[in-house]
Amino acid sequence: MENDKPSTRNQYVQCLDRQLELGKRELETWKNKRRFELEGLAKSSGITQPLDIYLRSEKSFVNYLEDSCRWRYLRKMPDAVAAAIAYKHCELRLIDQRIATYKTPLD
């Protein structure tokens, strides 16, 4: 990809942006589903710890994603396009992994 023309690289970045938009939308759907389930559990049982820990894990995931992808981005600098591609690939992988985790049924 590094030897391709700038317009091709920019088109690829746009393609990754579209994939990220779809992935983030799906992730948000799964996050809301899990939160809804845990809120229901908290209401019916009075046990709120699973919901509290879930919410904390969501914040931790955002930080983890940003830090995990940021060092990959910085490693590719000063080539800003290659850096953006590295960051977006990382985001896509981590979002896909997170979605797969959410798809696992709760016991």
C-alpha atoms as a PDB file:
ATOM      1  CA  MET A   1       0.000   0.000   0.000  1.00  0.00           C
ATOM      2  CA  GLU A   2       2.880   2.417   0.703  1.00  0.00           C
ATOM      3  CA  ASN A   3       3.993   2.525  -2.941  1.00  0.00           C
ATOM      4  CA  ASP A   4       0.541   3.289  -4.309  1.00  0.00           C
ATOM      5  CA  LYS A   5      -0.484   6.682  -5.613  1.00  0.00           C
ATOM      6  CA  PRO A   6      -1.691   9.201  -3.026  1.00  0.00           C
ATOM      7  CA  SER A   7      -5.235   9.210  -4.448  1.00  0.00           C
ATOM      8  CA  THR A   8      -5.438   5.414  -4.117  1.00  0.00           C
ATOM      9  CA  ARG A   9      -4.175   5.584  -0.536  1.00  0.00           C
ATOM     10  CA  ASN A  10      -6.705   8.283   0.300  1.00  0.00           C
ATOM     11  CA  GLN A  11      -9.500   6.207  -1.226  1.00  0.00           C
ATOM     12  CA  TYR A  12      -8.381   3.283   0.903  1.00  0.00           C
ATOM     13  CA  VAL A  13      -8.533   5.463   4.029  1.00  0.00           C
ATOM     14  CA  GLN A  14     -12.065   6.485   3.061  1.00  0.00           C
ATOM     15  CA  CYS A  15     -12.990   2.832   2.642  1.00  0.00           C
ATOM     16  CA  LEU A  16     -11.612   2.096   6.106  1.00  0.00           C
ATOM     17  CA  ASP A  17     -13.643   5.016   7.463  1.00  0.00           C
ATOM     18  CA  ARG A  18     -16.819   3.488   6.035  1.00  0.00           C
ATOM     19  CA  GLN A  19     -15.952   0.099   7.549  1.00  0.00           C
ATOM     20  CA  LEU A  20     -15.281   1.773  10.901  1.00  0.00           C
ATOM     21  CA  GLU A  21     -18.602   3.570  10.776  1.00  0.00           C
ATOM     22  CA  LEU A  22     -20.421   0.273  10.243  1.00  0.00           C
ATOM     23  CA  GLY A  23     -18.355  -1.505  12.902  1.00  0.00           C
ATOM     24  CA  LYS A  24     -18.940   1.236  15.462  1.00  0.00           C
ATOM     25  CA  ARG A  25     -22.656   1.164  14.744  1.00  0.00           C
ATOM     26  CA  GLU A  26     -22.788  -2.609  15.276  1.00  0.00           C
ATOM     27  CA  LEU A  27     -20.675  -2.323  18.421  1.00  0.00           C
ATOM     28  CA  GLU A  28     -23.028   0.315  19.803  1.00  0.00           C
ATOM     29  CA  THR A  29     -25.989  -1.986  19.168  1.00  0.00           C
ATOM     30  CA  TRP A  30     -24.328  -4.833  21.091  1.00  0.00           C
ATOM     31  CA  LYS A  31     -23.249  -2.509  23.917  1.00  0.00           C
ATOM     32  CA  ASN A  32     -26.814  -1.281  24.320  1.00  0.00           C
ATOM     33  CA  LYS A  33     -28.152  -4.847  24.292  1.00  0.00           C
ATOM     34  CA  ARG A  34     -25.765  -5.904  27.065  1.00  0.00           C
ATOM     35  CA  ARG A  35     -26.483  -2.781  29.112  1.00  0.00           C
ATOM     36  CA  PHE A  36     -30.223  -3.347  28.747  1.00  0.00           C
ATOM     37  CA  GLU A  37     -29.829  -6.950  29.942  1.00  0.00           C
ATOM     38  CA  LEU A  38     -27.732  -5.892  32.935  1.00  0.00           C
ATOM     39  CA  GLU A  39     -30.099  -3.070  33.831  1.00  0.00           C
ATOM     40  CA  GLY A  40     -32.935  -5.608  33.775  1.00  0.00           C
ATOM     41  CA  LEU A  41     -30.961  -7.885  36.074  1.00  0.00           C
ATOM     42  CA  ALA A  42     -30.283  -4.991  38.438  1.00  0.00           C
ATOM     43  CA  LYS A  43     -33.964  -4.055  38.541  1.00  0.00           C
ATOM     44  CA  SER A  44     -35.219  -7.585  39.061  1.00  0.00           C
ATOM     45  CA  SER A  45     -32.604  -8.794  41.532  1.00  0.00           C
ATOM     46  CA  GLY A  46     -31.298  -5.618  43.120  1.00  0.00           C
ATOM     47  CA  ILE A  47     -27.753  -6.712  42.261  1.00  0.00           C
ATOM     48  CA  THR A  48     -26.074  -3.751  40.584  1.00  0.00           C
ATOM     49  CA  GLN A  49     -22.432  -4.840  40.612  1.00  0.00           C
ATOM     50  CA  PRO A  50     -22.491  -6.527  37.181  1.00  0.00           C
ATOM     51  CA  LEU A  51     -23.872  -3.332  35.623  1.00  0.00           C
ATOM     52  CA  ASP A  52     -21.337  -1.153  37.447  1.00  0.00           C
ATOM     53  CA  ILE A  53     -18.430  -3.332  36.347  1.00  0.00           C
ATOM     54  CA  TYR A  54     -19.772  -3.495  32.795  1.00  0.00           C
ATOM     55  CA  LEU A  55     -19.924   0.307  32.600  1.00  0.00           C
ATOM     56  CA  ARG A  56     -16.394   0.541  33.951  1.00  0.00           C
ATOM     57  CA  SER A  57     -15.195  -2.015  31.403  1.00  0.00           C
ATOM     58  CA  GLU A  58     -16.682   0.083  28.604  1.00  0.00           C
ATOM     59  CA  LYS A  59     -14.641   3.102  29.704  1.00  0.00           C
ATOM     60  CA  SER A  60     -11.545   0.918  29.984  1.00  0.00           C
ATOM     61  CA  PHE A  61     -12.095  -0.461  26.485  1.00  0.00           C
ATOM     62  CA  VAL A  62     -12.194   3.024  24.974  1.00  0.00           C
ATOM     63  CA  ASN A  63      -8.886   3.892  26.655  1.00  0.00           C
ATOM     64  CA  TYR A  64      -7.377   0.547  25.650  1.00  0.00           C
ATOM     65  CA  LEU A  65      -8.414   0.981  22.023  1.00  0.00           C
ATOM     66  CA  GLU A  66      -7.014   4.503  21.829  1.00  0.00           C
ATOM     67  CA  ASP A  67      -3.683   3.607  23.433  1.00  0.00           C
ATOM     68  CA  SER A  68      -3.279   0.334  21.533  1.00  0.00           C
ATOM     69  CA  CYS A  69      -3.863   2.026  18.214  1.00  0.00           C
ATOM     70  CA  ARG A  70      -2.054   5.276  18.977  1.00  0.00           C
ATOM     71  CA  TRP A  71       1.386   3.660  19.331  1.00  0.00           C
ATOM     72  CA  ARG A  72       0.860   1.936  15.986  1.00  0.00           C
ATOM     73  CA  TYR A  73      -0.024   5.310  14.481  1.00  0.00           C
ATOM     74  CA  LEU A  74       3.049   7.006  15.911  1.00  0.00           C
ATOM     75  CA  ARG A  75       5.303   4.208  14.722  1.00  0.00           C
ATOM     76  CA  LYS A  76       4.353   5.017  11.091  1.00  0.00           C
ATOM     77  CA  MET A  77       4.926   8.776  11.339  1.00  0.00           C
ATOM     78  CA  PRO A  78       5.890  10.983   9.554  1.00  0.00           C
ATOM     79  CA  ASP A  79       3.886   9.231   6.813  1.00  0.00           C
ATOM     80  CA  ALA A  80       0.482  10.497   7.942  1.00  0.00           C
ATOM     81  CA  VAL A  81      -1.512   8.325   5.543  1.00  0.00           C
ATOM     82  CA  ALA A  82       0.311   5.134   6.538  1.00  0.00           C
ATOM     83  CA  ALA A  83      -0.148   6.138  10.176  1.00  0.00           C
ATOM     84  CA  ALA A  84      -3.882   6.669   9.657  1.00  0.00           C
ATOM     85  CA  ILE A  85      -4.172   3.296   7.927  1.00  0.00           C
ATOM     86  CA  ALA A  86      -2.354   1.556  10.787  1.00  0.00           C
ATOM     87  CA  TYR A  87      -4.625   3.221  13.356  1.00  0.00           C
ATOM     88  CA  LYS A  88      -7.791   2.338  11.473  1.00  0.00           C
ATOM     89  CA  HIS A  89      -6.725  -1.290  10.958  1.00  0.00           C
ATOM     90  CA  CYS A  90      -6.105  -1.534  14.691  1.00  0.00           C
ATOM     91  CA  GLU A  91      -9.495   0.014  15.480  1.00  0.00           C
ATOM     92  CA  LEU A  92     -11.263  -2.390  13.154  1.00  0.00           C
ATOM     93  CA  ARG A  93      -9.567  -5.431  14.706  1.00  0.00           C
ATOM     94  CA  LEU A  94     -10.361  -4.370  18.266  1.00  0.00           C
ATOM     95  CA  ILE A  95     -13.957  -3.458  17.434  1.00  0.00           C
ATOM     96  CA  ASP A  96     -14.445  -6.828  15.723  1.00  0.00           C
ATOM     97  CA  GLN A  97     -13.002  -8.606  18.764  1.00  0.00           C
ATOM     98  CA  ARG A  98     -15.284  -6.656  21.090  1.00  0.00           C
ATOM     99  CA  ILE A  99     -18.343  -7.476  18.991  1.00  0.00           C
ATOM    100  CA  ALA A 100     -17.395 -11.164  19.038  1.00  0.00           C
ATOM    101  CA  THR A 101     -17.218 -10.974  22.834  1.00  0.00           C
ATOM    102  CA  TYR A 102     -20.681  -9.442  23.019  1.00  0.00           C
ATOM    103  CA  LYS A 103     -22.089 -12.098  20.713  1.00  0.00           C
ATOM    104  CA  THR A 104     -21.099 -14.768  23.225  1.00  0.00           C
ATOM    105  CA  PRO A 105     -24.278 -15.609  25.154  1.00  0.00           C
ATOM    106  CA  LEU A 106     -24.453 -14.694  28.814  1.00  0.00           C
ATOM    107  CA  ASP A 107     -24.500 -17.690  31.136  1.00  0.00           C
END
